[in-house]
Amino acid sequence: MAYDRAKAKRNARLARSRRVGKKVRGAPERPRLSVFRSSKHIYAQLVDDTTGKTLAAASTRGKAFRTDQTWGGNVSAAKIVGRLIGEKAIAQGITTVVFDRNGFLYHGRVKALGEAAREAGLTF
């Protein structure tokens, strides 16, 4: 019973991701900020979809994160990752991005990451 509910929830997220992915595309001047979250970690990367290259990435599994905090599955960890990806983007001269939440609801950790990236200087 619980397995079916988890499977349905995952399938709904993937359906949202595919539906939104049809319209959300990253370009060299405005890359896509893709977010993925698991139960223990959160990942963010800037992707140029025209070439298929990742321009910058940050996650709770990186060395830069581990100096600030140890646990990666909470809102404060997502804020740190958002700040890190924002700083990396600004260092590369990227100021505007397209936010791709990957089917996740804009709430909790995903929202915290997005708002921290905005505070770091990104606009979307």
PDB file of N, CA and C in Angstrom:
ATOM      1  N   MET A   1       0.825  -1.188   0.000  1.00  0.00           N
ATOM      2  CA  MET A   1       0.000   0.000   0.000  1.00  0.00           C
ATOM      3  C   MET A   1       0.871   1.254   0.000  1.00  0.00           C
ATOM      4  N   ALA A   2       1.847   1.316   0.934  1.00  0.00           N
ATOM      5  CA  ALA A   2       2.724   2.485   0.990  1.00  0.00           C
ATOM      6  C   ALA A   2       3.588   2.557  -0.259  1.00  0.00           C
ATOM      7  N   TYR A   3       3.953   1.408  -0.795  1.00  0.00           N
ATOM      8  CA  TYR A   3       4.762   1.372  -2.009  1.00  0.00           C
ATOM      9  C   TYR A   3       4.000   1.974  -3.181  1.00  0.00           C
ATOM     10  N   ASP A   4       2.724   1.644  -3.294  1.00  0.00           N
ATOM     11  CA  ASP A   4       1.914   2.186  -4.389  1.00  0.00           C
ATOM     12  C   ASP A   4       1.784   3.704  -4.290  1.00  0.00           C
ATOM     13  N   ARG A   5       1.648   4.207  -3.059  1.00  0.00           N
ATOM     14  CA  ARG A   5       1.522   5.643  -2.864  1.00  0.00           C
ATOM     15  C   ARG A   5       2.821   6.351  -3.244  1.00  0.00           C
ATOM     16  N   ALA A   6       3.952   5.782  -2.843  1.00  0.00           N
ATOM     17  CA  ALA A   6       5.247   6.370  -3.181  1.00  0.00           C
ATOM     18  C   ALA A   6       5.487   6.333  -4.683  1.00  0.00           C
ATOM     19  N   LYS A   7       5.100   5.250  -5.308  1.00  0.00           N
ATOM     20  CA  LYS A   7       5.264   5.123  -6.753  1.00  0.00           C
ATOM     21  C   LYS A   7       4.386   6.133  -7.497  1.00  0.00           C
ATOM     22  N   ALA A   8       3.162   6.327  -7.035  1.00  0.00           N
ATOM     23  CA  ALA A   8       2.252   7.290  -7.654  1.00  0.00           C
ATOM     24  C   ALA A   8       2.769   8.713  -7.483  1.00  0.00           C
ATOM     25  N   LYS A   9       3.324   9.014  -6.319  1.00  0.00           N
ATOM     26  CA  LYS A   9       3.862  10.343  -6.058  1.00  0.00           C
ATOM     27  C   LYS A   9       5.060  10.617  -6.965  1.00  0.00           C
ATOM     28  N   ARG A  10       5.937   9.623  -7.128  1.00  0.00           N
ATOM     29  CA  ARG A  10       7.098   9.773  -8.004  1.00  0.00           C
ATOM     30  C   ARG A  10       6.663   9.941  -9.456  1.00  0.00           C
ATOM     31  N   ASN A  11       5.697   9.160  -9.877  1.00  0.00           N
ATOM     32  CA  ASN A  11       5.210   9.263 -11.259  1.00  0.00           C
ATOM     33  C   ASN A  11       4.564  10.624 -11.530  1.00  0.00           C
ATOM     34  N   ALA A  12       3.869  11.177 -10.538  1.00  0.00           N
ATOM     35  CA  ALA A  12       3.262  12.497 -10.696  1.00  0.00           C
ATOM     36  C   ALA A  12       4.346  13.562 -10.840  1.00  0.00           C
ATOM     37  N   ARG A  13       5.420  13.445 -10.054  1.00  0.00           N
ATOM     38  CA  ARG A  13       6.529  14.396 -10.161  1.00  0.00           C
ATOM     39  C   ARG A  13       7.184  14.307 -11.531  1.00  0.00           C
ATOM     40  N   LEU A  14       7.410  13.100 -12.016  1.00  0.00           N
ATOM     41  CA  LEU A  14       8.029  12.918 -13.329  1.00  0.00           C
ATOM     42  C   LEU A  14       7.135  13.447 -14.447  1.00  0.00           C
ATOM     43  N   ALA A  15       5.833  13.292 -14.302  1.00  0.00           N
ATOM     44  CA  ALA A  15       4.906  13.830 -15.303  1.00  0.00           C
ATOM     45  C   ALA A  15       4.964  15.354 -15.315  1.00  0.00           C
ATOM     46  N   ARG A  16       5.012  15.984 -14.133  1.00  0.00           N
ATOM     47  CA  ARG A  16       5.148  17.439 -14.061  1.00  0.00           C
ATOM     48  C   ARG A  16       6.463  17.876 -14.685  1.00  0.00           C
ATOM     49  N   SER A  17       7.518  17.123 -14.425  1.00  0.00           N
ATOM     50  CA  SER A  17       8.831  17.457 -14.964  1.00  0.00           C
ATOM     51  C   SER A  17       8.831  17.410 -16.487  1.00  0.00           C
ATOM     52  N   ARG A  18       8.232  16.379 -17.063  1.00  0.00           N
ATOM     53  CA  ARG A  18       8.160  16.270 -18.523  1.00  0.00           C
ATOM     54  C   ARG A  18       7.306  17.383 -19.124  1.00  0.00           C
ATOM     55  N   ARG A  19       6.203  17.695 -18.478  1.00  0.00           N
ATOM     56  CA  ARG A  19       5.302  18.726 -18.987  1.00  0.00           C
ATOM     57  C   ARG A  19       5.984  20.091 -18.991  1.00  0.00           C
ATOM     58  N   VAL A  20       6.647  20.429 -17.897  1.00  0.00           N
ATOM     59  CA  VAL A  20       7.320  21.717 -17.799  1.00  0.00           C
ATOM     60  C   VAL A  20       8.575  21.726 -18.670  1.00  0.00           C
ATOM     61  N   GLY A  21       9.237  20.590 -18.782  1.00  0.00           N
ATOM     62  CA  GLY A  21      10.473  20.501 -19.561  1.00  0.00           C
ATOM     63  C   GLY A  21      10.296  20.791 -21.028  1.00  0.00           C
ATOM     64  N   LYS A  22       9.074  20.692 -21.525  1.00  0.00           N
ATOM     65  CA  LYS A  22       8.823  21.011 -22.926  1.00  0.00           C
ATOM     66  C   LYS A  22       9.045  22.489 -23.212  1.00  0.00           C
ATOM     67  N   LYS A  23       8.833  23.335 -22.217  1.00  0.00           N
ATOM     68  CA  LYS A  23       8.932  24.780 -22.408  1.00  0.00           C
ATOM     69  C   LYS A  23      10.177  25.400 -21.786  1.00  0.00           C
ATOM     70  N   VAL A  24      10.706  24.788 -20.738  1.00  0.00           N
ATOM     71  CA  VAL A  24      11.855  25.362 -20.041  1.00  0.00           C
ATOM     72  C   VAL A  24      13.133  24.860 -20.697  1.00  0.00           C
ATOM     73  N   ARG A  25      13.842  25.779 -21.361  1.00  0.00           N
ATOM     74  CA  ARG A  25      15.106  25.453 -22.022  1.00  0.00           C
ATOM     75  C   ARG A  25      16.137  26.499 -21.630  1.00  0.00           C
ATOM     76  N   GLY A  26      17.360  26.054 -21.433  1.00  0.00           N
ATOM     77  CA  GLY A  26      18.442  26.961 -21.081  1.00  0.00           C
ATOM     78  C   GLY A  26      19.273  27.310 -22.304  1.00  0.00           C
ATOM     79  N   ALA A  27      19.724  28.542 -22.382  1.00  0.00           N
ATOM     80  CA  ALA A  27      20.571  29.020 -23.464  1.00  0.00           C
ATOM     81  C   ALA A  27      21.881  29.525 -22.857  1.00  0.00           C
ATOM     82  N   PRO A  28      22.891  29.766 -23.675  1.00  0.00           N
ATOM     83  CA  PRO A  28      24.171  30.242 -23.110  1.00  0.00           C
ATOM     84  C   PRO A  28      24.033  31.550 -22.330  1.00  0.00           C
ATOM     85  N   GLU A  29      23.180  32.471 -22.809  1.00  0.00           N
ATOM     86  CA  GLU A  29      23.026  33.740 -22.100  1.00  0.00           C
ATOM     87  C   GLU A  29      22.057  33.620 -20.926  1.00  0.00           C
ATOM     88  N   ARG A  30      21.207  32.599 -20.921  1.00  0.00           N
ATOM     89  CA  ARG A  30      20.260  32.375 -19.822  1.00  0.00           C
ATOM     90  C   ARG A  30      20.130  30.875 -19.573  1.00  0.00           C
ATOM     91  N   PRO A  31      21.065  30.285 -18.827  1.00  0.00           N
ATOM     92  CA  PRO A  31      21.033  28.836 -18.606  1.00  0.00           C
ATOM     93  C   PRO A  31      19.899  28.409 -17.674  1.00  0.00           C
ATOM     94  N   ARG A  32      19.670  27.110 -17.649  1.00  0.00           N
ATOM     95  CA  ARG A  32      18.624  26.529 -16.820  1.00  0.00           C
ATOM     96  C   ARG A  32      19.223  26.139 -15.474  1.00  0.00           C
ATOM     97  N   LEU A  33      18.597  26.605 -14.397  1.00  0.00           N
ATOM     98  CA  LEU A  33      18.996  26.214 -13.034  1.00  0.00           C
ATOM     99  C   LEU A  33      18.136  25.024 -12.652  1.00  0.00           C
ATOM    100  N   SER A  34      18.713  23.836 -12.763  1.00  0.00           N
ATOM    101  CA  SER A  34      17.990  22.595 -12.506  1.00  0.00           C
ATOM    102  C   SER A  34      18.206  22.162 -11.062  1.00  0.00           C
ATOM    103  N   VAL A  35      17.124  21.807 -10.386  1.00  0.00           N
ATOM    104  CA  VAL A  35      17.174  21.407  -8.981  1.00  0.00           C
ATOM    105  C   VAL A  35      16.672  19.976  -8.846  1.00  0.00           C
ATOM    106  N   PHE A  36      17.399  19.178  -8.070  1.00  0.00           N
ATOM    107  CA  PHE A  36      16.944  17.839  -7.735  1.00  0.00           C
ATOM    108  C   PHE A  36      17.119  17.659  -6.240  1.00  0.00           C
ATOM    109  N   ARG A  37      16.124  17.072  -5.606  1.00  0.00           N
ATOM    110  CA  ARG A  37      16.251  16.812  -4.167  1.00  0.00           C
ATOM    111  C   ARG A  37      15.938  15.351  -3.889  1.00  0.00           C
ATOM    112  N   SER A  38      16.689  14.792  -2.975  1.00  0.00           N
ATOM    113  CA  SER A  38      16.395  13.460  -2.469  1.00  0.00           C
ATOM    114  C   SER A  38      16.108  13.609  -0.981  1.00  0.00           C
ATOM    115  N   SER A  39      15.937  12.519  -0.309  1.00  0.00           N
ATOM    116  CA  SER A  39      15.626  12.622   1.121  1.00  0.00           C
ATOM    117  C   SER A  39      16.827  13.094   1.932  1.00  0.00           C
ATOM    118  N   LYS A  40      18.042  12.861   1.440  1.00  0.00           N
ATOM    119  CA  LYS A  40      19.237  13.213   2.196  1.00  0.00           C
ATOM    120  C   LYS A  40      20.023  14.386   1.627  1.00  0.00           C
ATOM    121  N   HIS A  41      19.844  14.706   0.351  1.00  0.00           N
ATOM    122  CA  HIS A  41      20.665  15.721  -0.292  1.00  0.00           C
ATOM    123  C   HIS A  41      19.828  16.585  -1.238  1.00  0.00           C
ATOM    124  N   ILE A  42      20.424  17.704  -1.673  1.00  0.00           N
ATOM    125  CA  ILE A  42      19.820  18.560  -2.694  1.00  0.00           C
ATOM    126  C   ILE A  42      20.927  18.988  -3.653  1.00  0.00           C
ATOM    127  N   TYR A  43      20.603  19.023  -4.928  1.00  0.00           N
ATOM    128  CA  TYR A  43      21.574  19.300  -5.981  1.00  0.00           C
ATOM    129  C   TYR A  43      21.049  20.432  -6.853  1.00  0.00           C
ATOM    130  N   ALA A  44      21.952  21.282  -7.343  1.00  0.00           N
ATOM    131  CA  ALA A  44      21.582  22.354  -8.268  1.00  0.00           C
ATOM    132  C   ALA A  44      22.680  22.456  -9.318  1.00  0.00           C
ATOM    133  N   GLN A  45      22.262  22.658 -10.566  1.00  0.00           N
ATOM    134  CA  GLN A  45      23.256  22.840 -11.615  1.00  0.00           C
ATOM    135  C   GLN A  45      22.742  23.795 -12.674  1.00  0.00           C
ATOM    136  N   LEU A  46      23.654  24.524 -13.279  1.00  0.00           N
ATOM    137  CA  LEU A  46      23.345  25.423 -14.380  1.00  0.00           C
ATOM    138  C   LEU A  46      23.664  24.695 -15.671  1.00  0.00           C
ATOM    139  N   VAL A  47      22.665  24.571 -16.554  1.00  0.00           N
ATOM    140  CA  VAL A  47      22.809  23.781 -17.766  1.00  0.00           C
ATOM    141  C   VAL A  47      22.532  24.646 -18.990  1.00  0.00           C
ATOM    142  N   ASP A  48      23.424  24.552 -19.977  1.00  0.00           N
ATOM    143  CA  ASP A  48      23.206  25.159 -21.288  1.00  0.00           C
ATOM    144  C   ASP A  48      22.644  24.057 -22.175  1.00  0.00           C
ATOM    145  N   ASP A  49      21.346  24.118 -22.488  1.00  0.00           N
ATOM    146  CA  ASP A  49      20.690  23.043 -23.228  1.00  0.00           C
ATOM    147  C   ASP A  49      21.047  23.027 -24.708  1.00  0.00           C
ATOM    148  N   THR A  50      21.579  24.126 -25.246  1.00  0.00           N
ATOM    149  CA  THR A  50      21.944  24.122 -26.660  1.00  0.00           C
ATOM    150  C   THR A  50      23.162  23.240 -26.912  1.00  0.00           C
ATOM    151  N   THR A  51      24.100  23.216 -25.960  1.00  0.00           N
ATOM    152  CA  THR A  51      25.290  22.374 -26.093  1.00  0.00           C
ATOM    153  C   THR A  51      25.240  21.144 -25.192  1.00  0.00           C
ATOM    154  N   GLY A  52      24.319  21.143 -24.225  1.00  0.00           N
ATOM    155  CA  GLY A  52      24.222  20.013 -23.304  1.00  0.00           C
ATOM    156  C   GLY A  52      25.305  20.008 -22.245  1.00  0.00           C
ATOM    157  N   LYS A  53      25.857  21.166 -21.946  1.00  0.00           N
ATOM    158  CA  LYS A  53      26.952  21.266 -20.987  1.00  0.00           C
ATOM    159  C   LYS A  53      26.465  21.820 -19.651  1.00  0.00           C
ATOM    160  N   THR A  54      27.052  21.318 -18.574  1.00  0.00           N
ATOM    161  CA  THR A  54      26.807  21.856 -17.245  1.00  0.00           C
ATOM    162  C   THR A  54      27.822  22.954 -16.993  1.00  0.00           C
ATOM    163  N   LEU A  55      27.349  24.150 -16.721  1.00  0.00           N
ATOM    164  CA  LEU A  55      28.222  25.300 -16.529  1.00  0.00           C
ATOM    165  C   LEU A  55      28.722  25.417 -15.096  1.00  0.00           C
ATOM    166  N   ALA A  56      27.881  25.077 -14.131  1.00  0.00           N
ATOM    167  CA  ALA A  56      28.261  25.128 -12.721  1.00  0.00           C
ATOM    168  C   ALA A  56      27.347  24.189 -11.952  1.00  0.00           C
ATOM    169  N   ALA A  57      27.841  23.676 -10.848  1.00  0.00           N
ATOM    170  CA  ALA A  57      27.045  22.765 -10.034  1.00  0.00           C
ATOM    171  C   ALA A  57      27.379  22.965  -8.558  1.00  0.00           C
ATOM    172  N   ALA A  58      26.399  22.697  -7.715  1.00  0.00           N
ATOM    173  CA  ALA A  58      26.589  22.745  -6.264  1.00  0.00           C
ATOM    174  C   ALA A  58      25.629  21.745  -5.644  1.00  0.00           C
ATOM    175  N   SER A  59      26.064  21.112  -4.585  1.00  0.00           N
ATOM    176  CA  SER A  59      25.199  20.154  -3.896  1.00  0.00           C
ATOM    177  C   SER A  59      25.624  20.034  -2.445  1.00  0.00           C
ATOM    178  N   THR A  60      24.826  19.298  -1.705  1.00  0.00           N
ATOM    179  CA  THR A  60      25.154  19.063  -0.303  1.00  0.00           C
ATOM    180  C   THR A  60      26.222  17.985  -0.161  1.00  0.00           C
ATOM    181  N   ARG A  61      26.648  17.398  -1.258  1.00  0.00           N
ATOM    182  CA  ARG A  61      27.696  16.393  -1.214  1.00  0.00           C
ATOM    183  C   ARG A  61      29.065  16.961  -1.542  1.00  0.00           C
ATOM    184  N   GLY A  62      29.133  18.244  -1.896  1.00  0.00           N
ATOM    185  CA  GLY A  62      30.393  18.874  -2.285  1.00  0.00           C
ATOM    186  C   GLY A  62      31.232  19.298  -1.088  1.00  0.00           C
ATOM    187  N   LYS A  63      32.506  19.549  -1.351  1.00  0.00           N
ATOM    188  CA  LYS A  63      33.426  19.966  -0.298  1.00  0.00           C
ATOM    189  C   LYS A  63      33.070  21.342   0.255  1.00  0.00           C
ATOM    190  N   ALA A  64      32.631  22.234  -0.606  1.00  0.00           N
ATOM    191  CA  ALA A  64      32.288  23.588  -0.163  1.00  0.00           C
ATOM    192  C   ALA A  64      31.124  23.559   0.830  1.00  0.00           C
ATOM    193  N   PHE A  65      30.213  22.628   0.667  1.00  0.00           N
ATOM    194  CA  PHE A  65      29.080  22.535   1.575  1.00  0.00           C
ATOM    195  C   PHE A  65      29.502  21.976   2.925  1.00  0.00           C
ATOM    196  N   ARG A  66      30.356  20.978   2.915  1.00  0.00           N
ATOM    197  CA  ARG A  66      30.699  20.276   4.151  1.00  0.00           C
ATOM    198  C   ARG A  66      31.418  21.144   5.167  1.00  0.00           C
ATOM    199  N   THR A  67      31.984  22.268   4.719  1.00  0.00           N
ATOM    200  CA  THR A  67      32.636  23.152   5.688  1.00  0.00           C
ATOM    201  C   THR A  67      31.607  23.904   6.518  1.00  0.00           C
ATOM    202  N   ASP A  68      30.412  24.123   5.944  1.00  0.00           N
ATOM    203  CA  ASP A  68      29.379  24.885   6.652  1.00  0.00           C
ATOM    204  C   ASP A  68      28.470  24.020   7.518  1.00  0.00           C
ATOM    205  N   GLN A  69      28.105  22.826   7.018  1.00  0.00           N
ATOM    206  CA  GLN A  69      27.090  22.019   7.684  1.00  0.00           C
ATOM    207  C   GLN A  69      27.323  20.548   7.341  1.00  0.00           C
ATOM    208  N   THR A  70      26.777  19.656   8.150  1.00  0.00           N
ATOM    209  CA  THR A  70      26.999  18.232   7.896  1.00  0.00           C
ATOM    210  C   THR A  70      25.788  17.552   7.276  1.00  0.00           C
ATOM    211  N   TRP A  71      24.585  17.943   7.638  1.00  0.00           N
ATOM    212  CA  TRP A  71      23.382  17.272   7.141  1.00  0.00           C
ATOM    213  C   TRP A  71      22.826  18.026   5.954  1.00  0.00           C
ATOM    214  N   GLY A  72      22.455  17.302   4.900  1.00  0.00           N
ATOM    215  CA  GLY A  72      22.030  17.947   3.675  1.00  0.00           C
ATOM    216  C   GLY A  72      20.559  17.870   3.374  1.00  0.00           C
ATOM    217  N   GLY A  73      19.738  17.326   4.251  1.00  0.00           N
ATOM    218  CA  GLY A  73      18.332  17.125   3.946  1.00  0.00           C
ATOM    219  C   GLY A  73      17.391  18.096   4.621  1.00  0.00           C
ATOM    220  N   ASN A  74      17.826  19.343   4.822  1.00  0.00           N
ATOM    221  CA  ASN A  74      16.935  20.297   5.471  1.00  0.00           C
ATOM    222  C   ASN A  74      16.977  21.648   4.763  1.00  0.00           C
ATOM    223  N   VAL A  75      16.154  22.581   5.201  1.00  0.00           N
ATOM    224  CA  VAL A  75      16.012  23.874   4.541  1.00  0.00           C
ATOM    225  C   VAL A  75      17.297  24.692   4.649  1.00  0.00           C
ATOM    226  N   SER A  76      17.964  24.647   5.790  1.00  0.00           N
ATOM    227  CA  SER A  76      19.196  25.435   5.934  1.00  0.00           C
ATOM    228  C   SER A  76      20.272  24.942   4.970  1.00  0.00           C
ATOM    229  N   ALA A  77      20.312  23.649   4.712  1.00  0.00           N
ATOM    230  CA  ALA A  77      21.268  23.101   3.738  1.00  0.00           C
ATOM    231  C   ALA A  77      20.923  23.575   2.334  1.00  0.00           C
ATOM    232  N   ALA A  78      19.646  23.640   2.017  1.00  0.00           N
ATOM    233  CA  ALA A  78      19.223  24.107   0.698  1.00  0.00           C
ATOM    234  C   ALA A  78      19.582  25.575   0.497  1.00  0.00           C
ATOM    235  N   LYS A  79      19.497  26.370   1.555  1.00  0.00           N
ATOM    236  CA  LYS A  79      19.882  27.779   1.460  1.00  0.00           C
ATOM    237  C   LYS A  79      21.369  27.907   1.148  1.00  0.00           C
ATOM    238  N   ILE A  80      22.185  27.070   1.757  1.00  0.00           N
ATOM    239  CA  ILE A  80      23.629  27.105   1.506  1.00  0.00           C
ATOM    240  C   ILE A  80      23.922  26.729   0.059  1.00  0.00           C
ATOM    241  N   VAL A  81      23.256  25.704  -0.443  1.00  0.00           N
ATOM    242  CA  VAL A  81      23.468  25.272  -1.827  1.00  0.00           C
ATOM    243  C   VAL A  81      23.002  26.364  -2.793  1.00  0.00           C
ATOM    244  N   GLY A  82      21.898  27.028  -2.499  1.00  0.00           N
ATOM    245  CA  GLY A  82      21.429  28.125  -3.332  1.00  0.00           C
ATOM    246  C   GLY A  82      22.423  29.269  -3.369  1.00  0.00           C
ATOM    247  N   ARG A  83      23.009  29.577  -2.222  1.00  0.00           N
ATOM    248  CA  ARG A  83      24.021  30.632  -2.171  1.00  0.00           C
ATOM    249  C   ARG A  83      25.257  30.236  -2.964  1.00  0.00           C
ATOM    250  N   LEU A  84      25.680  28.971  -2.835  1.00  0.00           N
ATOM    251  CA  LEU A  84      26.861  28.484  -3.560  1.00  0.00           C
ATOM    252  C   LEU A  84      26.661  28.544  -5.069  1.00  0.00           C
ATOM    253  N   ILE A  85      25.513  28.081  -5.566  1.00  0.00           N
ATOM    254  CA  ILE A  85      25.273  28.086  -7.010  1.00  0.00           C
ATOM    255  C   ILE A  85      25.146  29.514  -7.519  1.00  0.00           C
ATOM    256  N   GLY A  86      24.573  30.395  -6.708  1.00  0.00           N
ATOM    257  CA  GLY A  86      24.481  31.796  -7.090  1.00  0.00           C
ATOM    258  C   GLY A  86      25.848  32.450  -7.208  1.00  0.00           C
ATOM    259  N   GLU A  87      26.726  32.161  -6.266  1.00  0.00           N
ATOM    260  CA  GLU A  87      28.080  32.718  -6.296  1.00  0.00           C
ATOM    261  C   GLU A  87      28.861  32.196  -7.493  1.00  0.00           C
ATOM    262  N   LYS A  88      28.707  30.900  -7.798  1.00  0.00           N
ATOM    263  CA  LYS A  88      29.407  30.327  -8.951  1.00  0.00           C
ATOM    264  C   LYS A  88      28.900  30.930 -10.255  1.00  0.00           C
ATOM    265  N   ALA A  89      27.608  31.176 -10.338  1.00  0.00           N
ATOM    266  CA  ALA A  89      27.034  31.770 -11.552  1.00  0.00           C
ATOM    267  C   ALA A  89      27.524  33.199 -11.735  1.00  0.00           C
ATOM    268  N   ILE A  90      27.505  33.982 -10.676  1.00  0.00           N
ATOM    269  CA  ILE A  90      27.946  35.369 -10.754  1.00  0.00           C
ATOM    270  C   ILE A  90      29.429  35.421 -11.133  1.00  0.00           C
ATOM    271  N   ALA A  91      30.233  34.496 -10.612  1.00  0.00           N
ATOM    272  CA  ALA A  91      31.656  34.451 -10.946  1.00  0.00           C
ATOM    273  C   ALA A  91      31.873  34.190 -12.439  1.00  0.00           C
ATOM    274  N   GLN A  92      30.942  33.486 -13.085  1.00  0.00           N
ATOM    275  CA  GLN A  92      31.043  33.207 -14.517  1.00  0.00           C
ATOM    276  C   GLN A  92      30.357  34.272 -15.358  1.00  0.00           C
ATOM    277  N   GLY A  93      29.795  35.279 -14.727  1.00  0.00           N
ATOM    278  CA  GLY A  93      29.135  36.354 -15.455  1.00  0.00           C
ATOM    279  C   GLY A  93      27.686  36.061 -15.803  1.00  0.00           C
ATOM    280  N   ILE A  94      27.083  35.070 -15.171  1.00  0.00           N
ATOM    281  CA  ILE A  94      25.686  34.708 -15.415  1.00  0.00           C
ATOM    282  C   ILE A  94      24.825  35.400 -14.364  1.00  0.00           C
ATOM    283  N   THR A  95      23.848  36.193 -14.818  1.00  0.00           N
ATOM    284  CA  THR A  95      22.994  36.895 -13.872  1.00  0.00           C
ATOM    285  C   THR A  95      21.535  36.464 -13.976  1.00  0.00           C
ATOM    286  N   THR A  96      21.105  35.997 -15.151  1.00  0.00           N
ATOM    287  CA  THR A  96      19.719  35.557 -15.308  1.00  0.00           C
ATOM    288  C   THR A  96      19.689  34.089 -15.675  1.00  0.00           C
ATOM    289  N   VAL A  97      18.753  33.362 -15.091  1.00  0.00           N
ATOM    290  CA  VAL A  97      18.607  31.927 -15.341  1.00  0.00           C
ATOM    291  C   VAL A  97      17.123  31.590 -15.511  1.00  0.00           C
ATOM    292  N   VAL A  98      16.871  30.387 -15.992  1.00  0.00           N
ATOM    293  CA  VAL A  98      15.523  29.831 -16.044  1.00  0.00           C
ATOM    294  C   VAL A  98      15.462  28.787 -14.933  1.00  0.00           C
ATOM    295  N   PHE A  99      14.513  28.905 -14.029  1.00  0.00           N
ATOM    296  CA  PHE A  99      14.438  27.994 -12.877  1.00  0.00           C
ATOM    297  C   PHE A  99      13.656  26.741 -13.251  1.00  0.00           C
ATOM    298  N   ASP A 100      14.310  25.592 -13.164  1.00  0.00           N
ATOM    299  CA  ASP A 100      13.692  24.302 -13.449  1.00  0.00           C
ATOM    300  C   ASP A 100      13.629  23.520 -12.141  1.00  0.00           C
ATOM    301  N   ARG A 101      12.429  23.419 -11.581  1.00  0.00           N
ATOM    302  CA  ARG A 101      12.284  22.728 -10.302  1.00  0.00           C
ATOM    303  C   ARG A 101      12.124  21.231 -10.470  1.00  0.00           C
ATOM    304  N   ASN A 102      12.172  20.738 -11.709  1.00  0.00           N
ATOM    305  CA  ASN A 102      12.202  19.301 -11.993  1.00  0.00           C
ATOM    306  C   ASN A 102      10.961  18.570 -11.489  1.00  0.00           C
ATOM    307  N   GLY A 103       9.822  19.233 -11.501  1.00  0.00           N
ATOM    308  CA  GLY A 103       8.591  18.596 -11.070  1.00  0.00           C
ATOM    309  C   GLY A 103       8.324  18.680  -9.587  1.00  0.00           C
ATOM    310  N   PHE A 104       9.297  19.164  -8.818  1.00  0.00           N
ATOM    311  CA  PHE A 104       9.101  19.324  -7.383  1.00  0.00           C
ATOM    312  C   PHE A 104       8.278  20.586  -7.141  1.00  0.00           C
ATOM    313  N   LEU A 105       7.478  20.576  -6.099  1.00  0.00           N
ATOM    314  CA  LEU A 105       6.686  21.747  -5.759  1.00  0.00           C
ATOM    315  C   LEU A 105       7.602  22.860  -5.247  1.00  0.00           C
ATOM    316  N   TYR A 106       7.275  24.102  -5.559  1.00  0.00           N
ATOM    317  CA  TYR A 106       8.059  25.243  -5.098  1.00  0.00           C
ATOM    318  C   TYR A 106       7.687  25.512  -3.647  1.00  0.00           C
ATOM    319  N   HIS A 107       8.248  24.712  -2.777  1.00  0.00           N
ATOM    320  CA  HIS A 107       7.918  24.744  -1.360  1.00  0.00           C
ATOM    321  C   HIS A 107       9.070  24.101  -0.605  1.00  0.00           C
ATOM    322  N   GLY A 108       9.307  24.544   0.611  1.00  0.00           N
ATOM    323  CA  GLY A 108      10.307  23.906   1.455  1.00  0.00           C
ATOM    324  C   GLY A 108      11.722  24.090   0.939  1.00  0.00           C
ATOM    325  N   ARG A 109      12.428  22.979   0.709  1.00  0.00           N
ATOM    326  CA  ARG A 109      13.836  23.034   0.320  1.00  0.00           C
ATOM    327  C   ARG A 109      14.040  23.630  -1.065  1.00  0.00           C
ATOM    328  N   VAL A 110      13.145  23.346  -1.995  1.00  0.00           N
ATOM    329  CA  VAL A 110      13.274  23.892  -3.348  1.00  0.00           C
ATOM    330  C   VAL A 110      13.089  25.412  -3.307  1.00  0.00           C
ATOM    331  N   LYS A 111      12.131  25.877  -2.551  1.00  0.00           N
ATOM    332  CA  LYS A 111      11.891  27.313  -2.407  1.00  0.00           C
ATOM    333  C   LYS A 111      13.076  27.985  -1.714  1.00  0.00           C
ATOM    334  N   ALA A 112      13.621  27.350  -0.685  1.00  0.00           N
ATOM    335  CA  ALA A 112      14.759  27.912   0.044  1.00  0.00           C
ATOM    336  C   ALA A 112      15.972  28.047  -0.877  1.00  0.00           C
ATOM    337  N   LEU A 113      16.200  27.054  -1.716  1.00  0.00           N
ATOM    338  CA  LEU A 113      17.313  27.108  -2.668  1.00  0.00           C
ATOM    339  C   LEU A 113      17.103  28.250  -3.664  1.00  0.00           C
ATOM    340  N   GLY A 114      15.900  28.374  -4.195  1.00  0.00           N
ATOM    341  CA  GLY A 114      15.608  29.423  -5.157  1.00  0.00           C
ATOM    342  C   GLY A 114      15.764  30.811  -4.574  1.00  0.00           C
ATOM    343  N   GLU A 115      15.267  31.018  -3.371  1.00  0.00           N
ATOM    344  CA  GLU A 115      15.356  32.332  -2.751  1.00  0.00           C
ATOM    345  C   GLU A 115      16.794  32.680  -2.381  1.00  0.00           C
ATOM    346  N   ALA A 116      17.582  31.689  -1.969  1.00  0.00           N
ATOM    347  CA  ALA A 116      18.991  31.940  -1.656  1.00  0.00           C
ATOM    348  C   ALA A 116      19.778  32.276  -2.922  1.00  0.00           C
ATOM    349  N   ALA A 117      19.419  31.643  -4.041  1.00  0.00           N
ATOM    350  CA  ALA A 117      20.075  31.967  -5.305  1.00  0.00           C
ATOM    351  C   ALA A 117      19.730  33.396  -5.726  1.00  0.00           C
ATOM    352  N   ARG A 118      18.502  33.805  -5.483  1.00  0.00           N
ATOM    353  CA  ARG A 118      18.098  35.191  -5.789  1.00  0.00           C
ATOM    354  C   ARG A 118      18.876  36.177  -4.922  1.00  0.00           C
ATOM    355  N   GLU A 119      19.037  35.858  -3.645  1.00  0.00           N
ATOM    356  CA  GLU A 119      19.768  36.729  -2.738  1.00  0.00           C
ATOM    357  C   GLU A 119      21.236  36.833  -3.140  1.00  0.00           C
ATOM    358  N   ALA A 120      21.757  35.771  -3.759  1.00  0.00           N
ATOM    359  CA  ALA A 120      23.155  35.781  -4.201  1.00  0.00           C
ATOM    360  C   ALA A 120      23.348  36.607  -5.466  1.00  0.00           C
ATOM    361  N   GLY A 121      22.247  36.989  -6.129  1.00  0.00           N
ATOM    362  CA  GLY A 121      22.356  37.855  -7.285  1.00  0.00           C
ATOM    363  C   GLY A 121      21.726  37.331  -8.571  1.00  0.00           C
ATOM    364  N   LEU A 122      21.183  36.133  -8.565  1.00  0.00           N
ATOM    365  CA  LEU A 122      20.544  35.604  -9.767  1.00  0.00           C
ATOM    366  C   LEU A 122      19.122  36.132  -9.894  1.00  0.00           C
ATOM    367  N   THR A 123      18.678  36.300 -11.127  1.00  0.00           N
ATOM    368  CA  THR A 123      17.289  36.695 -11.365  1.00  0.00           C
ATOM    369  C   THR A 123      16.620  35.640 -12.226  1.00  0.00           C
ATOM    370  N   PHE A 124      15.410  35.269 -11.838  1.00  0.00           N
ATOM    371  CA  PHE A 124      14.591  34.344 -12.611  1.00  0.00           C
ATOM    372  C   PHE A 124      13.147  34.546 -12.269  1.00  0.00           C
TER     373      PHE A 124
END
